[in-house]
C-alpha cells in the first residue's frame, strides 16, 4: 500500500498546455473526483495544435495530498477539484 494510507481516492484535474503553470488558466477543470481505482478517462479531445496536461492527487480520511511542486519548491495549487 502506498504511503497515502488506506481507502485513498483520487482527483484528476486537466489544464490547457498554453495556460501552464497550474492555477493560472481558465481552462482548468476537474476531470474526475473520488476515483477509487487507479485509472480515469477524459472524453475531451484537444483542438488541433493544442494539448492538455493532467495532474492527480490522492486523498483519504487523513486529508488531501498535493498536485506536486514547481521546480522552485512552491506547491501547484488549483481549486477545480474538491
PDB file of N, CA and C in Angstrom:
ATOM      1  N   UNK A   1       0.854  -1.180   0.000  1.00  0.00           N
ATOM      2  CA  UNK A   1       0.000   0.000   0.000  1.00  0.00           C
ATOM      3  C   UNK A   1       0.892   1.233   0.000  1.00  0.00           C
ATOM      4  N   UNK A   2       0.640   2.205  -0.876  1.00  0.00           N
ATOM      5  CA  UNK A   2       1.404   3.451  -0.882  1.00  0.00           C
ATOM      6  C   UNK A   2       1.290   4.185   0.447  1.00  0.00           C
ATOM      7  N   UNK A   3       2.174   5.139   0.663  1.00  0.00           N
ATOM      8  CA  UNK A   3       2.194   5.856   1.937  1.00  0.00           C
ATOM      9  C   UNK A   3       0.974   6.746   2.137  1.00  0.00           C
ATOM     10  N   UNK A   4       0.057   6.823   1.162  1.00  0.00           N
ATOM     11  CA  UNK A   4      -1.165   7.606   1.289  1.00  0.00           C
ATOM     12  C   UNK A   4      -2.163   6.992   2.248  1.00  0.00           C
ATOM     13  N   UNK A   5      -1.912   5.767   2.699  1.00  0.00           N
ATOM     14  CA  UNK A   5      -2.819   5.117   3.632  1.00  0.00           C
ATOM     15  C   UNK A   5      -3.881   4.316   2.905  1.00  0.00           C
ATOM     16  N   UNK A   6      -4.854   3.860   3.672  1.00  0.00           N
ATOM     17  CA  UNK A   6      -5.916   3.033   3.112  1.00  0.00           C
ATOM     18  C   UNK A   6      -7.078   3.885   2.624  1.00  0.00           C
ATOM     19  N   UNK A   7      -7.903   3.283   1.804  1.00  0.00           N
ATOM     20  CA  UNK A   7      -9.116   3.919   1.290  1.00  0.00           C
ATOM     21  C   UNK A   7      -8.852   5.230   0.548  1.00  0.00           C
ATOM     22  N   UNK A   8      -7.759   5.294  -0.157  1.00  0.00           N
ATOM     23  CA  UNK A   8      -7.455   6.509  -0.921  1.00  0.00           C
ATOM     24  C   UNK A   8      -8.353   6.601  -2.142  1.00  0.00           C
ATOM     25  N   UNK A   9      -8.763   7.813  -2.463  1.00  0.00           N
ATOM     26  CA  UNK A   9      -9.452   8.131  -3.718  1.00  0.00           C
ATOM     27  C   UNK A   9      -8.654   9.250  -4.373  1.00  0.00           C
ATOM     28  N   UNK A  10      -8.941   9.506  -5.636  1.00  0.00           N
ATOM     29  CA  UNK A  10      -8.105  10.411  -6.405  1.00  0.00           C
ATOM     30  C   UNK A  10      -8.923  11.497  -7.093  1.00  0.00           C
ATOM     31  N   UNK A  11      -8.317  12.673  -7.229  1.00  0.00           N
ATOM     32  CA  UNK A  11      -8.860  13.764  -8.028  1.00  0.00           C
ATOM     33  C   UNK A  11      -7.962  13.942  -9.248  1.00  0.00           C
ATOM     34  N   UNK A  12      -8.566  14.085 -10.398  1.00  0.00           N
ATOM     35  CA  UNK A  12      -7.837  14.268 -11.655  1.00  0.00           C
ATOM     36  C   UNK A  12      -8.234  15.622 -12.235  1.00  0.00           C
ATOM     37  N   UNK A  13      -7.259  16.492 -12.392  1.00  0.00           N
ATOM     38  CA  UNK A  13      -7.528  17.801 -12.989  1.00  0.00           C
ATOM     39  C   UNK A  13      -6.813  17.920 -14.316  1.00  0.00           C
ATOM     40  N   UNK A  14      -7.399  18.741 -15.198  1.00  0.00           N
ATOM     41  CA  UNK A  14      -6.830  18.960 -16.535  1.00  0.00           C
ATOM     42  C   UNK A  14      -6.698  20.451 -16.779  1.00  0.00           C
ATOM     43  N   UNK A  15      -5.647  20.814 -17.481  1.00  0.00           N
ATOM     44  CA  UNK A  15      -5.452  22.195 -17.893  1.00  0.00           C
ATOM     45  C   UNK A  15      -4.951  22.242 -19.324  1.00  0.00           C
ATOM     46  N   UNK A  16      -5.053  23.399 -19.933  1.00  0.00           N
ATOM     47  CA  UNK A  16      -4.562  23.603 -21.295  1.00  0.00           C
ATOM     48  C   UNK A  16      -3.064  23.897 -21.254  1.00  0.00           C
ATOM     49  N   UNK A  17      -2.311  23.275 -22.155  1.00  0.00           N
ATOM     50  CA  UNK A  17      -0.858  23.475 -22.167  1.00  0.00           C
ATOM     51  C   UNK A  17      -0.469  24.935 -22.295  1.00  0.00           C
ATOM     52  N   UNK A  18      -1.240  25.703 -23.057  1.00  0.00           N
ATOM     53  CA  UNK A  18      -0.886  27.109 -23.236  1.00  0.00           C
ATOM     54  C   UNK A  18      -1.261  27.974 -22.034  1.00  0.00           C
ATOM     55  N   UNK A  19      -1.853  27.361 -20.988  1.00  0.00           N
ATOM     56  CA  UNK A  19      -2.206  28.090 -19.776  1.00  0.00           C
ATOM     57  C   UNK A  19      -1.440  27.552 -18.567  1.00  0.00           C
ATOM     58  N   UNK A  20      -0.350  26.830 -18.825  1.00  0.00           N
ATOM     59  CA  UNK A  20       0.503  26.328 -17.744  1.00  0.00           C
ATOM     60  C   UNK A  20       1.303  27.494 -17.200  1.00  0.00           C
ATOM     61  N   UNK A  21       1.572  27.641 -15.949  1.00  0.00           N
ATOM     62  CA  UNK A  21       1.541  26.640 -14.896  1.00  0.00           C
ATOM     63  C   UNK A  21       0.168  26.498 -14.248  1.00  0.00           C
ATOM     64  N   UNK A  22       0.083  25.494 -13.419  1.00  0.00           N
ATOM     65  CA  UNK A  22      -1.146  25.160 -12.706  1.00  0.00           C
ATOM     66  C   UNK A  22      -1.653  26.363 -11.918  1.00  0.00           C
ATOM     67  N   UNK A  23      -2.964  26.539 -11.953  1.00  0.00           N
ATOM     68  CA  UNK A  23      -3.587  27.619 -11.201  1.00  0.00           C
ATOM     69  C   UNK A  23      -3.703  28.920 -11.954  1.00  0.00           C
ATOM     70  N   UNK A  24      -3.242  28.951 -13.203  1.00  0.00           N
ATOM     71  CA  UNK A  24      -3.242  30.225 -13.922  1.00  0.00           C
ATOM     72  C   UNK A  24      -4.185  30.265 -15.107  1.00  0.00           C
ATOM     73  N   UNK A  25      -4.924  29.176 -15.371  1.00  0.00           N
ATOM     74  CA  UNK A  25      -5.720  29.156 -16.581  1.00  0.00           C
ATOM     75  C   UNK A  25      -7.197  28.914 -16.374  1.00  0.00           C
ATOM     76  N   UNK A  26      -7.994  29.607 -17.173  1.00  0.00           N
ATOM     77  CA  UNK A  26      -9.447  29.456 -17.115  1.00  0.00           C
ATOM     78  C   UNK A  26      -9.897  28.093 -17.629  1.00  0.00           C
ATOM     79  N   UNK A  27      -9.033  27.387 -18.367  1.00  0.00           N
ATOM     80  CA  UNK A  27      -9.407  26.084 -18.925  1.00  0.00           C
ATOM     81  C   UNK A  27      -9.234  24.939 -17.932  1.00  0.00           C
ATOM     82  N   UNK A  28      -8.739  25.200 -16.736  1.00  0.00           N
ATOM     83  CA  UNK A  28      -8.583  24.125 -15.756  1.00  0.00           C
ATOM     84  C   UNK A  28      -9.951  23.589 -15.360  1.00  0.00           C
ATOM     85  N   UNK A  29     -10.023  22.271 -15.269  1.00  0.00           N
ATOM     86  CA  UNK A  29     -11.277  21.626 -14.900  1.00  0.00           C
ATOM     87  C   UNK A  29     -11.000  20.350 -14.131  1.00  0.00           C
ATOM     88  N   UNK A  30     -11.963  19.930 -13.362  1.00  0.00           N
ATOM     89  CA  UNK A  30     -11.870  18.666 -12.642  1.00  0.00           C
ATOM     90  C   UNK A  30     -12.428  17.584 -13.561  1.00  0.00           C
ATOM     91  N   UNK A  31     -11.567  16.693 -14.030  1.00  0.00           N
ATOM     92  CA  UNK A  31     -11.982  15.625 -14.926  1.00  0.00           C
ATOM     93  C   UNK A  31     -12.765  14.576 -14.155  1.00  0.00           C
ATOM     94  N   UNK A  32     -12.298  14.256 -12.951  1.00  0.00           N
ATOM     95  CA  UNK A  32     -12.966  13.251 -12.126  1.00  0.00           C
ATOM     96  C   UNK A  32     -12.552  13.441 -10.678  1.00  0.00           C
ATOM     97  N   UNK A  33     -13.462  13.168  -9.776  1.00  0.00           N
ATOM     98  CA  UNK A  33     -13.195  13.311  -8.352  1.00  0.00           C
ATOM     99  C   UNK A  33     -13.730  12.094  -7.613  1.00  0.00           C
ATOM    100  N   UNK A  34     -12.999  11.632  -6.637  1.00  0.00           N
ATOM    101  CA  UNK A  34     -13.421  10.465  -5.875  1.00  0.00           C
ATOM    102  C   UNK A  34     -13.187   9.160  -6.595  1.00  0.00           C
ATOM    103  N   UNK A  35     -12.203   9.118  -7.484  1.00  0.00           N
ATOM    104  CA  UNK A  35     -11.885   7.906  -8.245  1.00  0.00           C
ATOM    105  C   UNK A  35     -11.275   6.882  -7.300  1.00  0.00           C
ATOM    106  N   UNK A  36     -11.911   5.737  -7.188  1.00  0.00           N
ATOM    107  CA  UNK A  36     -11.422   4.708  -6.283  1.00  0.00           C
ATOM    108  C   UNK A  36     -10.324   3.854  -6.918  1.00  0.00           C
ATOM    109  N   UNK A  37     -10.338   3.701  -8.225  1.00  0.00           N
ATOM    110  CA  UNK A  37      -9.334   2.908  -8.917  1.00  0.00           C
ATOM    111  C   UNK A  37      -8.122   3.741  -9.274  1.00  0.00           C
ATOM    112  N   UNK A  38      -7.269   3.167 -10.081  1.00  0.00           N
ATOM    113  CA  UNK A  38      -6.052   3.870 -10.465  1.00  0.00           C
ATOM    114  C   UNK A  38      -6.055   4.249 -11.935  1.00  0.00           C
ATOM    115  N   UNK A  39      -7.246   4.494 -12.485  1.00  0.00           N
ATOM    116  CA  UNK A  39      -7.335   4.998 -13.849  1.00  0.00           C
ATOM    117  C   UNK A  39      -8.585   5.854 -13.981  1.00  0.00           C
ATOM    118  N   UNK A  40      -8.528   6.768 -14.909  1.00  0.00           N
ATOM    119  CA  UNK A  40      -9.659   7.640 -15.215  1.00  0.00           C
ATOM    120  C   UNK A  40      -9.620   7.926 -16.704  1.00  0.00           C
ATOM    121  N   UNK A  41     -10.758   8.312 -17.252  1.00  0.00           N
ATOM    122  CA  UNK A  41     -10.824   8.632 -18.672  1.00  0.00           C
ATOM    123  C   UNK A  41     -11.344  10.043 -18.859  1.00  0.00           C
ATOM    124  N   UNK A  42     -10.820  10.684 -19.879  1.00  0.00           N
ATOM    125  CA  UNK A  42     -11.264  12.024 -20.255  1.00  0.00           C
ATOM    126  C   UNK A  42     -11.736  11.943 -21.691  1.00  0.00           C
ATOM    127  N   UNK A  43     -13.013  12.205 -21.921  1.00  0.00           N
ATOM    128  CA  UNK A  43     -13.577  12.122 -23.258  1.00  0.00           C
ATOM    129  C   UNK A  43     -13.350  13.363 -24.102  1.00  0.00           C
ATOM    130  N   UNK A  44     -12.668  14.365 -23.549  1.00  0.00           N
ATOM    131  CA  UNK A  44     -12.428  15.602 -24.284  1.00  0.00           C
ATOM    132  C   UNK A  44     -11.177  15.471 -25.148  1.00  0.00           C
ATOM    133  N   UNK A  45     -11.264  15.939 -26.380  1.00  0.00           N
ATOM    134  CA  UNK A  45     -10.136  15.926 -27.301  1.00  0.00           C
ATOM    135  C   UNK A  45      -9.659  17.360 -27.502  1.00  0.00           C
ATOM    136  N   UNK A  46      -8.362  17.601 -27.391  1.00  0.00           N
ATOM    137  CA  UNK A  46      -7.877  18.969 -27.602  1.00  0.00           C
ATOM    138  C   UNK A  46      -8.015  19.389 -29.072  1.00  0.00           C
ATOM    139  N   UNK A  47      -8.124  20.669 -29.267  1.00  0.00           N
ATOM    140  CA  UNK A  47      -8.180  21.227 -30.623  1.00  0.00           C
ATOM    141  C   UNK A  47      -6.856  20.977 -31.337  1.00  0.00           C
ATOM    142  N   UNK A  48      -6.869  20.955 -32.665  1.00  0.00           N
ATOM    143  CA  UNK A  48      -5.608  20.818 -33.408  1.00  0.00           C
ATOM    144  C   UNK A  48      -4.611  21.906 -32.984  1.00  0.00           C
ATOM    145  N   UNK A  49      -3.380  21.520 -32.764  1.00  0.00           N
ATOM    146  CA  UNK A  49      -2.334  22.456 -32.377  1.00  0.00           C
ATOM    147  C   UNK A  49      -2.314  22.790 -30.897  1.00  0.00           C
ATOM    148  N   UNK A  50      -3.144  22.135 -30.100  1.00  0.00           N
ATOM    149  CA  UNK A  50      -3.147  22.383 -28.656  1.00  0.00           C
ATOM    150  C   UNK A  50      -3.049  21.060 -27.914  1.00  0.00           C
ATOM    151  N   UNK A  51      -3.017  21.124 -26.603  1.00  0.00           N
ATOM    152  CA  UNK A  51      -2.914  19.908 -25.809  1.00  0.00           C
ATOM    153  C   UNK A  51      -3.312  20.158 -24.373  1.00  0.00           C
ATOM    154  N   UNK A  52      -3.351  19.086 -23.595  1.00  0.00           N
ATOM    155  CA  UNK A  52      -3.718  19.143 -22.189  1.00  0.00           C
ATOM    156  C   UNK A  52      -2.577  18.642 -21.320  1.00  0.00           C
ATOM    157  N   UNK A  53      -2.566  19.071 -20.074  1.00  0.00           N
ATOM    158  CA  UNK A  53      -1.760  18.432 -19.040  1.00  0.00           C
ATOM    159  C   UNK A  53      -2.727  17.929 -17.981  1.00  0.00           C
ATOM    160  N   UNK A  54      -2.327  16.900 -17.261  1.00  0.00           N
ATOM    161  CA  UNK A  54      -3.144  16.318 -16.208  1.00  0.00           C
ATOM    162  C   UNK A  54      -2.324  16.200 -14.932  1.00  0.00           C
ATOM    163  N   UNK A  55      -2.968  16.443 -13.821  1.00  0.00           N
ATOM    164  CA  UNK A  55      -2.352  16.220 -12.516  1.00  0.00           C
ATOM    165  C   UNK A  55      -3.336  15.435 -11.663  1.00  0.00           C
ATOM    166  N   UNK A  56      -2.805  14.579 -10.812  1.00  0.00           N
ATOM    167  CA  UNK A  56      -3.619  13.724  -9.958  1.00  0.00           C
ATOM    168  C   UNK A  56      -3.136  13.871  -8.528  1.00  0.00           C
ATOM    169  N   UNK A  57      -4.083  13.920  -7.597  1.00  0.00           N
ATOM    170  CA  UNK A  57      -3.718  13.893  -6.187  1.00  0.00           C
ATOM    171  C   UNK A  57      -4.607  12.889  -5.474  1.00  0.00           C
ATOM    172  N   UNK A  58      -4.098  12.370  -4.386  1.00  0.00           N
ATOM    173  CA  UNK A  58      -4.837  11.395  -3.569  1.00  0.00           C
ATOM    174  C   UNK A  58      -5.388  12.080  -2.331  1.00  0.00           C
ATOM    175  N   UNK A  59      -6.477  11.519  -1.824  1.00  0.00           N
ATOM    176  CA  UNK A  59      -6.982  11.950  -0.521  1.00  0.00           C
ATOM    177  C   UNK A  59      -7.570  10.739   0.179  1.00  0.00           C
ATOM    178  N   UNK A  60      -7.540  10.797   1.483  1.00  0.00           N
ATOM    179  CA  UNK A  60      -8.169   9.774   2.310  1.00  0.00           C
ATOM    180  C   UNK A  60      -8.677  10.454   3.576  1.00  0.00           C
ATOM    181  N   UNK A  61      -8.988   9.682   4.573  1.00  0.00           N
ATOM    182  CA  UNK A  61      -9.537  10.245   5.804  1.00  0.00           C
ATOM    183  C   UNK A  61      -8.577  11.228   6.481  1.00  0.00           C
ATOM    184  N   UNK A  62      -7.306  11.103   6.209  1.00  0.00           N
ATOM    185  CA  UNK A  62      -6.300  11.996   6.811  1.00  0.00           C
ATOM    186  C   UNK A  62      -6.221  13.352   6.102  1.00  0.00           C
ATOM    187  N   UNK A  63      -6.747  13.458   4.900  1.00  0.00           N
ATOM    188  CA  UNK A  63      -6.708  14.716   4.167  1.00  0.00           C
ATOM    189  C   UNK A  63      -6.308  14.508   2.721  1.00  0.00           C
ATOM    190  N   UNK A  64      -6.134  15.612   2.015  1.00  0.00           N
ATOM    191  CA  UNK A  64      -5.770  15.578   0.598  1.00  0.00           C
ATOM    192  C   UNK A  64      -4.282  15.816   0.420  1.00  0.00           C
ATOM    193  N   UNK A  65      -3.729  15.147  -0.569  1.00  0.00           N
ATOM    194  CA  UNK A  65      -2.343  15.377  -0.935  1.00  0.00           C
ATOM    195  C   UNK A  65      -2.230  16.625  -1.794  1.00  0.00           C
ATOM    196  N   UNK A  66      -1.119  16.767  -2.466  1.00  0.00           N
ATOM    197  CA  UNK A  66      -0.889  17.925  -3.328  1.00  0.00           C
ATOM    198  C   UNK A  66      -0.868  17.472  -4.786  1.00  0.00           C
ATOM    199  N   UNK A  67      -0.855  18.441  -5.675  1.00  0.00           N
ATOM    200  CA  UNK A  67      -0.693  18.171  -7.093  1.00  0.00           C
ATOM    201  C   UNK A  67       0.779  18.232  -7.496  1.00  0.00           C
ATOM    202  N   UNK A  68       1.659  18.296  -6.546  1.00  0.00           N
ATOM    203  CA  UNK A  68       3.081  18.373  -6.828  1.00  0.00           C
ATOM    204  C   UNK A  68       3.606  19.782  -6.615  1.00  0.00           C
ATOM    205  N   UNK A  69       4.846  19.998  -7.019  1.00  0.00           N
ATOM    206  CA  UNK A  69       5.506  21.279  -6.795  1.00  0.00           C
ATOM    207  C   UNK A  69       6.252  21.743  -8.028  1.00  0.00           C
ATOM    208  N   UNK A  70       6.378  23.038  -8.153  1.00  0.00           N
ATOM    209  CA  UNK A  70       7.195  23.636  -9.206  1.00  0.00           C
ATOM    210  C   UNK A  70       8.663  23.369  -8.896  1.00  0.00           C
ATOM    211  N   UNK A  71       9.531  23.604  -9.843  1.00  0.00           N
ATOM    212  CA  UNK A  71      10.954  23.336  -9.635  1.00  0.00           C
ATOM    213  C   UNK A  71      11.534  24.156  -8.492  1.00  0.00           C
ATOM    214  N   UNK A  72      10.946  25.304  -8.169  1.00  0.00           N
ATOM    215  CA  UNK A  72      11.405  26.125  -7.055  1.00  0.00           C
ATOM    216  C   UNK A  72      10.891  25.655  -5.707  1.00  0.00           C
ATOM    217  N   UNK A  73      10.023  24.631  -5.712  1.00  0.00           N
ATOM    218  CA  UNK A  73       9.518  24.069  -4.468  1.00  0.00           C
ATOM    219  C   UNK A  73       8.133  24.551  -4.055  1.00  0.00           C
ATOM    220  N   UNK A  74       7.603  25.577  -4.712  1.00  0.00           N
ATOM    221  CA  UNK A  74       6.272  26.048  -4.329  1.00  0.00           C
ATOM    222  C   UNK A  74       5.223  25.070  -4.862  1.00  0.00           C
ATOM    223  N   UNK A  75       4.206  24.762  -4.051  1.00  0.00           N
ATOM    224  CA  UNK A  75       3.206  23.776  -4.472  1.00  0.00           C
ATOM    225  C   UNK A  75       2.308  24.302  -5.583  1.00  0.00           C
ATOM    226  N   UNK A  76       1.932  23.410  -6.484  1.00  0.00           N
ATOM    227  CA  UNK A  76       0.955  23.752  -7.508  1.00  0.00           C
ATOM    228  C   UNK A  76      -0.413  23.741  -6.859  1.00  0.00           C
ATOM    229  N   UNK A  77      -1.153  24.810  -7.037  1.00  0.00           N
ATOM    230  CA  UNK A  77      -2.460  24.962  -6.400  1.00  0.00           C
ATOM    231  C   UNK A  77      -3.536  25.204  -7.458  1.00  0.00           C
ATOM    232  N   UNK A  78      -4.667  24.551  -7.281  1.00  0.00           N
ATOM    233  CA  UNK A  78      -5.847  24.791  -8.103  1.00  0.00           C
ATOM    234  C   UNK A  78      -7.058  24.448  -7.261  1.00  0.00           C
ATOM    235  N   UNK A  79      -8.161  25.067  -7.548  1.00  0.00           N
ATOM    236  CA  UNK A  79      -9.364  24.818  -6.756  1.00  0.00           C
ATOM    237  C   UNK A  79     -10.452  24.143  -7.582  1.00  0.00           C
ATOM    238  N   UNK A  80     -10.117  23.549  -8.720  1.00  0.00           N
ATOM    239  CA  UNK A  80     -11.124  22.981  -9.597  1.00  0.00           C
ATOM    240  C   UNK A  80     -11.698  21.656  -9.104  1.00  0.00           C
ATOM    241  N   UNK A  81     -10.942  20.905  -8.318  1.00  0.00           N
ATOM    242  CA  UNK A  81     -11.452  19.663  -7.728  1.00  0.00           C
ATOM    243  C   UNK A  81     -11.648  19.888  -6.229  1.00  0.00           C
ATOM    244  N   UNK A  82     -12.675  19.238  -5.686  1.00  0.00           N
ATOM    245  CA  UNK A  82     -12.947  19.449  -4.247  1.00  0.00           C
ATOM    246  C   UNK A  82     -11.815  18.987  -3.344  1.00  0.00           C
TER     247      UNK A  82
END
